[in-house]
């Protein structure tokens, strides 16, 4: 699997907050959602979103249900 290499912020890192601003790299979504779409509110294929969220969770060493996200 591709290393996701999210963008991080030094203040959150210094505070011990596990976080990442993920790009499209390393995901399985296709079409307009191509890449690492982890948005459960999107109209992307739910199976692809679930796999993308599994990959993000694995990056943090946790389960997908433990992820928090925001809507843009």
PDB file of N, CA and C in Angstrom:
ATOM      1  N   UNK A   1       0.844  -1.178   0.000  1.00  0.00           N
ATOM      2  CA  UNK A   1       0.000   0.000   0.000  1.00  0.00           C
ATOM      3  C   UNK A   1       0.886   1.237   0.000  1.00  0.00           C
ATOM      4  N   UNK A   2       0.420   2.277  -0.654  1.00  0.00           N
ATOM      5  CA  UNK A   2       1.134   3.541  -0.723  1.00  0.00           C
ATOM      6  C   UNK A   2       1.115   4.236   0.632  1.00  0.00           C
ATOM      7  N   UNK A   3       2.256   4.814   1.010  1.00  0.00           N
ATOM      8  CA  UNK A   3       2.278   5.633   2.213  1.00  0.00           C
ATOM      9  C   UNK A   3       1.470   6.882   1.916  1.00  0.00           C
ATOM     10  N   UNK A   4       0.511   7.197   2.751  1.00  0.00           N
ATOM     11  CA  UNK A   4      -0.397   8.300   2.485  1.00  0.00           C
ATOM     12  C   UNK A   4       0.241   9.668   2.672  1.00  0.00           C
ATOM     13  N   UNK A   5       1.231   9.799   3.532  1.00  0.00           N
ATOM     14  CA  UNK A   5       1.976  11.039   3.748  1.00  0.00           C
ATOM     15  C   UNK A   5       1.086  12.276   3.840  1.00  0.00           C
ATOM     16  N   UNK A   6       0.218  12.352   4.853  1.00  0.00           N
ATOM     17  CA  UNK A   6      -0.640  13.523   4.977  1.00  0.00           C
ATOM     18  C   UNK A   6       0.159  14.774   5.346  1.00  0.00           C
ATOM     19  N   UNK A   7      -0.445  15.900   5.088  1.00  0.00           N
ATOM     20  CA  UNK A   7       0.112  17.178   5.518  1.00  0.00           C
ATOM     21  C   UNK A   7      -0.266  17.340   6.984  1.00  0.00           C
ATOM     22  N   UNK A   8       0.669  17.779   7.797  1.00  0.00           N
ATOM     23  CA  UNK A   8       0.392  17.976   9.217  1.00  0.00           C
ATOM     24  C   UNK A   8       0.711  19.414   9.611  1.00  0.00           C
ATOM     25  N   UNK A   9       0.235  19.813  10.774  1.00  0.00           N
ATOM     26  CA  UNK A   9       0.503  21.153  11.282  1.00  0.00           C
ATOM     27  C   UNK A   9       1.357  21.042  12.542  1.00  0.00           C
ATOM     28  N   UNK A  10       2.439  21.810  12.614  1.00  0.00           N
ATOM     29  CA  UNK A  10       3.357  21.667  13.745  1.00  0.00           C
ATOM     30  C   UNK A  10       2.730  21.943  15.110  1.00  0.00           C
ATOM     31  N   UNK A  11       1.765  22.840  15.200  1.00  0.00           N
ATOM     32  CA  UNK A  11       1.148  23.111  16.499  1.00  0.00           C
ATOM     33  C   UNK A  11       0.309  21.934  16.974  1.00  0.00           C
ATOM     34  N   UNK A  12      -0.390  21.284  16.064  1.00  0.00           N
ATOM     35  CA  UNK A  12      -1.163  20.100  16.444  1.00  0.00           C
ATOM     36  C   UNK A  12      -0.236  18.946  16.796  1.00  0.00           C
ATOM     37  N   UNK A  13       0.834  18.812  16.035  1.00  0.00           N
ATOM     38  CA  UNK A  13       1.818  17.761  16.327  1.00  0.00           C
ATOM     39  C   UNK A  13       2.431  17.990  17.701  1.00  0.00           C
ATOM     40  N   UNK A  14       2.830  19.231  17.995  1.00  0.00           N
ATOM     41  CA  UNK A  14       3.444  19.557  19.290  1.00  0.00           C
ATOM     42  C   UNK A  14       2.474  19.305  20.440  1.00  0.00           C
ATOM     43  N   UNK A  15       1.192  19.486  20.198  1.00  0.00           N
ATOM     44  CA  UNK A  15       0.186  19.267  21.235  1.00  0.00           C
ATOM     45  C   UNK A  15      -0.181  17.792  21.376  1.00  0.00           C
ATOM     46  N   UNK A  16       0.401  16.944  20.531  1.00  0.00           N
ATOM     47  CA  UNK A  16       0.130  15.514  20.624  1.00  0.00           C
ATOM     48  C   UNK A  16      -1.188  15.091  19.993  1.00  0.00           C
ATOM     49  N   UNK A  17      -1.720  15.907  19.097  1.00  0.00           N
ATOM     50  CA  UNK A  17      -2.986  15.594  18.438  1.00  0.00           C
ATOM     51  C   UNK A  17      -2.705  14.816  17.150  1.00  0.00           C
ATOM     52  N   UNK A  18      -3.116  13.552  17.088  1.00  0.00           N
ATOM     53  CA  UNK A  18      -2.940  12.804  15.839  1.00  0.00           C
ATOM     54  C   UNK A  18      -3.852  13.413  14.767  1.00  0.00           C
ATOM     55  N   UNK A  19      -3.290  13.807  13.663  1.00  0.00           N
ATOM     56  CA  UNK A  19      -4.075  14.474  12.632  1.00  0.00           C
ATOM     57  C   UNK A  19      -3.397  14.332  11.284  1.00  0.00           C
ATOM     58  N   UNK A  20      -4.097  14.670  10.264  1.00  0.00           N
ATOM     59  CA  UNK A  20      -3.534  14.691   8.925  1.00  0.00           C
ATOM     60  C   UNK A  20      -4.511  15.313   7.958  1.00  0.00           C
ATOM     61  N   UNK A  21      -3.978  16.076   7.056  1.00  0.00           N
ATOM     62  CA  UNK A  21      -4.756  16.637   5.959  1.00  0.00           C
ATOM     63  C   UNK A  21      -4.329  15.827   4.743  1.00  0.00           C
ATOM     64  N   UNK A  22      -5.180  14.897   4.350  1.00  0.00           N
ATOM     65  CA  UNK A  22      -4.823  13.925   3.336  1.00  0.00           C
ATOM     66  C   UNK A  22      -5.090  14.453   1.934  1.00  0.00           C
ATOM     67  N   UNK A  23      -4.234  14.069   1.022  1.00  0.00           N
ATOM     68  CA  UNK A  23      -4.415  14.418  -0.384  1.00  0.00           C
ATOM     69  C   UNK A  23      -5.151  13.259  -1.053  1.00  0.00           C
ATOM     70  N   UNK A  24      -5.208  13.257  -2.358  1.00  0.00           N
ATOM     71  CA  UNK A  24      -5.851  12.160  -3.082  1.00  0.00           C
ATOM     72  C   UNK A  24      -4.947  10.929  -3.193  1.00  0.00           C
ATOM     73  N   UNK A  25      -3.685  11.079  -2.874  1.00  0.00           N
ATOM     74  CA  UNK A  25      -2.716   9.991  -3.045  1.00  0.00           C
ATOM     75  C   UNK A  25      -3.068   8.783  -2.182  1.00  0.00           C
ATOM     76  N   UNK A  26      -2.984   7.598  -2.792  1.00  0.00           N
ATOM     77  CA  UNK A  26      -3.131   6.353  -2.053  1.00  0.00           C
ATOM     78  C   UNK A  26      -4.541   5.825  -1.920  1.00  0.00           C
ATOM     79  N   UNK A  27      -5.500   6.429  -2.606  1.00  0.00           N
ATOM     80  CA  UNK A  27      -6.881   5.987  -2.478  1.00  0.00           C
ATOM     81  C   UNK A  27      -7.352   5.133  -3.637  1.00  0.00           C
ATOM     82  N   UNK A  28      -8.568   4.615  -3.502  1.00  0.00           N
ATOM     83  CA  UNK A  28      -9.124   3.701  -4.501  1.00  0.00           C
ATOM     84  C   UNK A  28     -10.324   4.276  -5.251  1.00  0.00           C
ATOM     85  N   UNK A  29     -10.780   5.451  -4.903  1.00  0.00           N
ATOM     86  CA  UNK A  29     -11.944   6.031  -5.566  1.00  0.00           C
ATOM     87  C   UNK A  29     -11.616   6.368  -7.015  1.00  0.00           C
ATOM     88  N   UNK A  30     -12.667   6.398  -7.849  1.00  0.00           N
ATOM     89  CA  UNK A  30     -12.500   6.688  -9.273  1.00  0.00           C
ATOM     90  C   UNK A  30     -13.423   7.837  -9.682  1.00  0.00           C
ATOM     91  N   UNK A  31     -13.300   8.225 -10.947  1.00  0.00           N
ATOM     92  CA  UNK A  31     -14.154   9.284 -11.472  1.00  0.00           C
ATOM     93  C   UNK A  31     -13.850  10.621 -10.816  1.00  0.00           C
ATOM     94  N   UNK A  32     -14.890  11.388 -10.538  1.00  0.00           N
ATOM     95  CA  UNK A  32     -14.673  12.713  -9.940  1.00  0.00           C
ATOM     96  C   UNK A  32     -14.129  12.627  -8.519  1.00  0.00           C
ATOM     97  N   UNK A  33     -14.247  11.475  -7.894  1.00  0.00           N
ATOM     98  CA  UNK A  33     -13.734  11.275  -6.531  1.00  0.00           C
ATOM     99  C   UNK A  33     -12.378  10.582  -6.525  1.00  0.00           C
ATOM    100  N   UNK A  34     -11.751  10.471  -7.682  1.00  0.00           N
ATOM    101  CA  UNK A  34     -10.516   9.695  -7.827  1.00  0.00           C
ATOM    102  C   UNK A  34      -9.523   9.978  -6.707  1.00  0.00           C
ATOM    103  N   UNK A  35      -9.055   8.913  -6.102  1.00  0.00           N
ATOM    104  CA  UNK A  35      -8.048   9.021  -5.051  1.00  0.00           C
ATOM    105  C   UNK A  35      -8.595   8.649  -3.692  1.00  0.00           C
ATOM    106  N   UNK A  36      -8.119   9.340  -2.687  1.00  0.00           N
ATOM    107  CA  UNK A  36      -8.394   9.009  -1.289  1.00  0.00           C
ATOM    108  C   UNK A  36      -9.592   9.800  -0.758  1.00  0.00           C
ATOM    109  N   UNK A  37     -10.753   9.578  -1.329  1.00  0.00           N
ATOM    110  CA  UNK A  37     -11.958  10.240  -0.833  1.00  0.00           C
ATOM    111  C   UNK A  37     -12.450   9.482   0.396  1.00  0.00           C
ATOM    112  N   UNK A  38     -12.432  10.137   1.545  1.00  0.00           N
ATOM    113  CA  UNK A  38     -12.882   9.512   2.785  1.00  0.00           C
ATOM    114  C   UNK A  38     -14.172  10.148   3.285  1.00  0.00           C
ATOM    115  N   UNK A  39     -14.833  10.899   2.409  1.00  0.00           N
ATOM    116  CA  UNK A  39     -16.047  11.607   2.791  1.00  0.00           C
ATOM    117  C   UNK A  39     -17.283  10.733   2.770  1.00  0.00           C
ATOM    118  N   UNK A  40     -17.801  10.426   3.942  1.00  0.00           N
ATOM    119  CA  UNK A  40     -18.989   9.567   4.018  1.00  0.00           C
ATOM    120  C   UNK A  40     -20.229  10.281   3.498  1.00  0.00           C
ATOM    121  N   UNK A  41     -20.194  11.593   3.373  1.00  0.00           N
ATOM    122  CA  UNK A  41     -21.335  12.343   2.871  1.00  0.00           C
ATOM    123  C   UNK A  41     -21.316  12.537   1.372  1.00  0.00           C
ATOM    124  N   UNK A  42     -20.306  12.005   0.697  1.00  0.00           N
ATOM    125  CA  UNK A  42     -20.202  12.176  -0.753  1.00  0.00           C
ATOM    126  C   UNK A  42     -21.052  11.135  -1.470  1.00  0.00           C
ATOM    127  N   UNK A  43     -21.169  11.298  -2.761  1.00  0.00           N
ATOM    128  CA  UNK A  43     -21.914  10.325  -3.571  1.00  0.00           C
ATOM    129  C   UNK A  43     -20.981   9.295  -4.197  1.00  0.00           C
ATOM    130  N   UNK A  44     -19.791   9.176  -3.643  1.00  0.00           N
ATOM    131  CA  UNK A  44     -18.815   8.183  -4.089  1.00  0.00           C
ATOM    132  C   UNK A  44     -19.324   6.785  -3.722  1.00  0.00           C
ATOM    133  N   UNK A  45     -18.753   5.778  -4.370  1.00  0.00           N
ATOM    134  CA  UNK A  45     -19.069   4.380  -4.079  1.00  0.00           C
ATOM    135  C   UNK A  45     -18.768   4.106  -2.600  1.00  0.00           C
ATOM    136  N   UNK A  46     -19.759   3.699  -1.816  1.00  0.00           N
ATOM    137  CA  UNK A  46     -19.541   3.461  -0.388  1.00  0.00           C
ATOM    138  C   UNK A  46     -18.434   2.444  -0.100  1.00  0.00           C
ATOM    139  N   UNK A  47     -18.265   1.462  -0.976  1.00  0.00           N
ATOM    140  CA  UNK A  47     -17.204   0.477  -0.786  1.00  0.00           C
ATOM    141  C   UNK A  47     -15.833   1.139  -0.915  1.00  0.00           C
ATOM    142  N   UNK A  48     -15.686   2.041  -1.864  1.00  0.00           N
ATOM    143  CA  UNK A  48     -14.420   2.762  -2.043  1.00  0.00           C
ATOM    144  C   UNK A  48     -14.153   3.677  -0.856  1.00  0.00           C
ATOM    145  N   UNK A  49     -15.183   4.379  -0.400  1.00  0.00           N
ATOM    146  CA  UNK A  49     -15.020   5.262   0.766  1.00  0.00           C
ATOM    147  C   UNK A  49     -14.599   4.444   1.982  1.00  0.00           C
ATOM    148  N   UNK A  50     -15.218   3.289   2.185  1.00  0.00           N
ATOM    149  CA  UNK A  50     -14.873   2.433   3.321  1.00  0.00           C
ATOM    150  C   UNK A  50     -13.416   1.994   3.243  1.00  0.00           C
ATOM    151  N   UNK A  51     -12.956   1.623   2.055  1.00  0.00           N
ATOM    152  CA  UNK A  51     -11.549   1.222   1.904  1.00  0.00           C
ATOM    153  C   UNK A  51     -10.625   2.410   2.130  1.00  0.00           C
ATOM    154  N   UNK A  52     -10.979   3.564   1.633  1.00  0.00           N
ATOM    155  CA  UNK A  52     -10.154   4.752   1.857  1.00  0.00           C
ATOM    156  C   UNK A  52     -10.078   5.089   3.342  1.00  0.00           C
ATOM    157  N   UNK A  53     -11.192   4.996   4.029  1.00  0.00           N
ATOM    158  CA  UNK A  53     -11.203   5.273   5.471  1.00  0.00           C
ATOM    159  C   UNK A  53     -10.395   4.213   6.228  1.00  0.00           C
ATOM    160  N   UNK A  54     -10.444   2.971   5.753  1.00  0.00           N
ATOM    161  CA  UNK A  54      -9.636   1.917   6.375  1.00  0.00           C
ATOM    162  C   UNK A  54      -8.162   2.266   6.242  1.00  0.00           C
ATOM    163  N   UNK A  55      -7.759   2.774   5.087  1.00  0.00           N
ATOM    164  CA  UNK A  55      -6.361   3.151   4.865  1.00  0.00           C
ATOM    165  C   UNK A  55      -5.943   4.323   5.744  1.00  0.00           C
ATOM    166  N   UNK A  56      -6.817   5.302   5.869  1.00  0.00           N
ATOM    167  CA  UNK A  56      -6.508   6.446   6.742  1.00  0.00           C
ATOM    168  C   UNK A  56      -6.398   5.975   8.192  1.00  0.00           C
ATOM    169  N   UNK A  57      -7.332   5.147   8.629  1.00  0.00           N
ATOM    170  CA  UNK A  57      -7.296   4.629   9.998  1.00  0.00           C
ATOM    171  C   UNK A  57      -6.022   3.822  10.235  1.00  0.00           C
ATOM    172  N   UNK A  58      -5.630   3.000   9.267  1.00  0.00           N
ATOM    173  CA  UNK A  58      -4.406   2.202   9.403  1.00  0.00           C
ATOM    174  C   UNK A  58      -3.191   3.112   9.546  1.00  0.00           C
ATOM    175  N   UNK A  59      -3.198   4.242   8.862  1.00  0.00           N
ATOM    176  CA  UNK A  59      -2.093   5.200   8.989  1.00  0.00           C
ATOM    177  C   UNK A  59      -1.925   5.628  10.447  1.00  0.00           C
ATOM    178  N   UNK A  60      -3.036   5.774  11.148  1.00  0.00           N
ATOM    179  CA  UNK A  60      -3.003   6.196  12.559  1.00  0.00           C
ATOM    180  C   UNK A  60      -2.976   5.019  13.529  1.00  0.00           C
ATOM    181  N   UNK A  61      -3.045   3.793  13.003  1.00  0.00           N
ATOM    182  CA  UNK A  61      -3.044   2.621  13.870  1.00  0.00           C
ATOM    183  C   UNK A  61      -4.334   2.455  14.643  1.00  0.00           C
ATOM    184  N   UNK A  62      -5.451   2.784  14.016  1.00  0.00           N
ATOM    185  CA  UNK A  62      -6.744   2.682  14.688  1.00  0.00           C
ATOM    186  C   UNK A  62      -7.782   2.102  13.732  1.00  0.00           C
ATOM    187  N   UNK A  63      -9.015   2.106  14.147  1.00  0.00           N
ATOM    188  CA  UNK A  63     -10.130   1.599  13.350  1.00  0.00           C
ATOM    189  C   UNK A  63     -10.866   2.765  12.677  1.00  0.00           C
ATOM    190  N   UNK A  64     -11.483   2.516  11.528  1.00  0.00           N
ATOM    191  CA  UNK A  64     -12.215   3.588  10.827  1.00  0.00           C
ATOM    192  C   UNK A  64     -13.266   4.297  11.690  1.00  0.00           C
ATOM    193  N   UNK A  65     -13.891   3.585  12.571  1.00  0.00           N
ATOM    194  CA  UNK A  65     -14.904   4.185  13.442  1.00  0.00           C
ATOM    195  C   UNK A  65     -14.346   5.203  14.416  1.00  0.00           C
ATOM    196  N   UNK A  66     -13.046   5.252  14.569  1.00  0.00           N
ATOM    197  CA  UNK A  66     -12.416   6.193  15.488  1.00  0.00           C
ATOM    198  C   UNK A  66     -11.973   7.482  14.808  1.00  0.00           C
ATOM    199  N   UNK A  67     -12.236   7.589  13.509  1.00  0.00           N
ATOM    200  CA  UNK A  67     -11.834   8.791  12.774  1.00  0.00           C
ATOM    201  C   UNK A  67     -12.858   9.905  12.964  1.00  0.00           C
ATOM    202  N   UNK A  68     -12.369  11.118  13.011  1.00  0.00           N
ATOM    203  CA  UNK A  68     -13.222  12.306  12.990  1.00  0.00           C
ATOM    204  C   UNK A  68     -12.876  13.085  11.743  1.00  0.00           C
ATOM    205  N   UNK A  69     -13.843  13.677  11.136  1.00  0.00           N
ATOM    206  CA  UNK A  69     -13.602  14.465   9.934  1.00  0.00           C
ATOM    207  C   UNK A  69     -14.461  15.707   9.960  1.00  0.00           C
ATOM    208  N   UNK A  70     -14.249  16.551   8.984  1.00  0.00           N
ATOM    209  CA  UNK A  70     -15.060  17.757   8.879  1.00  0.00           C
ATOM    210  C   UNK A  70     -15.595  17.854   7.453  1.00  0.00           C
ATOM    211  N   UNK A  71     -16.683  18.570   7.319  1.00  0.00           N
ATOM    212  CA  UNK A  71     -17.269  18.798   6.008  1.00  0.00           C
ATOM    213  C   UNK A  71     -16.717  20.105   5.466  1.00  0.00           C
ATOM    214  N   UNK A  72     -16.428  20.110   4.176  1.00  0.00           N
ATOM    215  CA  UNK A  72     -15.899  21.324   3.556  1.00  0.00           C
ATOM    216  C   UNK A  72     -16.982  22.029   2.794  1.00  0.00           C
TER     217      UNK A  72
END
